[in-house]
Protein backbone atom coordinates (compact mmCIF):
# COMPACT_ATOMS: atom_id res chain seq x y z
CA MET A 1 51.05 -67.29 239.96
CA SER A 2 49.73 -70.26 241.07
CA GLY A 3 45.96 -71.74 241.36
CA SER A 4 43.29 -71.57 238.65
CA ARG A 5 40.87 -68.41 240.21
CA SER A 6 40.99 -65.24 239.58
CA TYR A 7 40.51 -62.77 242.21
CA GLY A 8 39.38 -59.70 242.52
CA ILE A 9 39.34 -56.73 244.75
CA MET A 10 39.38 -57.93 248.76
CA GLY A 11 39.38 -61.90 247.83
CA VAL A 12 36.02 -61.87 246.04
CA PRO A 13 36.22 -64.34 242.98
CA ALA A 14 36.50 -62.41 239.43
CA LEU A 15 33.60 -61.79 236.91
CA GLY A 16 33.67 -64.92 234.82
CA VAL A 17 34.03 -67.72 237.67
CA LYS A 18 31.60 -70.01 237.72
CA ARG A 19 29.59 -71.18 241.27
CA ALA A 20 29.72 -75.16 241.51
CA TYR A 21 26.08 -76.09 242.06
CA GLN A 22 25.01 -79.46 243.65
CA VAL A 23 22.38 -81.74 243.85
CA GLY A 24 19.75 -80.51 246.77
CA ASP A 25 21.05 -76.51 246.81
CA VAL A 26 17.95 -74.21 246.72
CA VAL A 27 18.32 -71.43 243.96
CA GLU A 28 16.23 -68.21 243.59
CA MET A 29 15.66 -67.19 239.82
CA ARG A 30 15.49 -63.98 237.96
CA LYS A 31 11.84 -64.25 237.48
CA PRO A 32 9.06 -65.76 239.39
CA HIS A 33 7.52 -68.41 238.30
CA PRO A 34 3.80 -68.42 237.04
CA CYS A 35 2.54 -69.98 240.14
CA GLY A 36 4.34 -67.00 242.46
CA GLY A 37 7.77 -69.15 243.51
CA ALA A 38 11.19 -68.41 242.75
CA ALA A 39 12.98 -70.95 244.49
CA TRP A 40 13.75 -73.91 243.04
CA GLU A 41 15.60 -77.08 244.11
CA VAL A 42 18.66 -78.72 242.08
CA LEU A 43 17.72 -82.39 241.04
CA ARG A 44 20.33 -83.09 238.87
CA VAL A 45 23.66 -81.18 237.87
CA GLY A 46 25.32 -81.61 234.50
CA ILE A 47 25.56 -80.14 230.85
CA ASP A 48 21.75 -79.70 231.79
CA PHE A 49 19.94 -78.90 235.23
CA ARG A 50 16.65 -80.31 236.08
CA ILE A 51 15.43 -77.99 238.92
CA ARG A 52 11.97 -78.54 240.84
CA CYS A 53 9.74 -75.22 241.72
CA LEU A 54 9.51 -75.40 245.96
CA ARG A 55 6.18 -73.62 246.06
CA CYS A 56 4.15 -75.85 243.14
CA GLY A 57 6.28 -78.94 242.75
CA ARG A 58 6.60 -78.25 238.81
CA LEU A 59 9.32 -79.59 237.40
CA ALA A 60 11.75 -78.28 234.43
CA MET A 61 14.85 -78.37 232.73
CA LEU A 62 17.36 -76.37 231.88
CA GLU A 63 20.49 -75.94 229.74
CA ARG A 64 23.41 -75.14 231.55
CA ARG A 65 23.97 -72.04 230.49
CA ASP A 66 20.55 -70.52 230.50
CA PHE A 67 20.37 -72.02 233.80
CA GLU A 68 23.29 -69.93 235.27
CA ARG A 69 22.18 -66.83 233.45
CA LYS A 70 18.82 -66.94 235.20
CA VAL A 71 19.79 -67.75 238.47
CA LYS A 72 19.57 -65.04 240.96
CA ALA A 73 20.80 -66.30 244.43
CA ALA A 74 21.95 -69.36 245.14
CA HIS A 75 21.63 -71.37 248.74
CA THR A 76 23.71 -74.84 249.71
CA ALA A 77 21.96 -77.75 250.82
CA ASP A 78 23.90 -77.88 254.26
CA ALA A 79 22.20 -74.20 254.85
CA GLY A 80 18.70 -75.54 255.07
CA VAL A 81 16.86 -72.65 253.66
CA GLU A 82 13.05 -73.73 253.09
CA GLY A 83 11.53 -72.32 250.02
CA GLY A 84 8.28 -71.26 249.70
């Protein structure tokens, strides 16, 4: 088989396949921020992530492992999703 990805039923990526995040993506975290917002904008991608709360503007830095574990849903920057 060629290709590096492993696909499960109906072409859906199998568990363990990581999503590629980009600057500008909007992510929803599993737990809401104390201000009540759950949507964050990705400002920096690498070994760690810098994110900004779209409700209060607070900046946070997370290691990649923690970030990927805490993300509930992600919307690409091209989708034009507004946070709140």
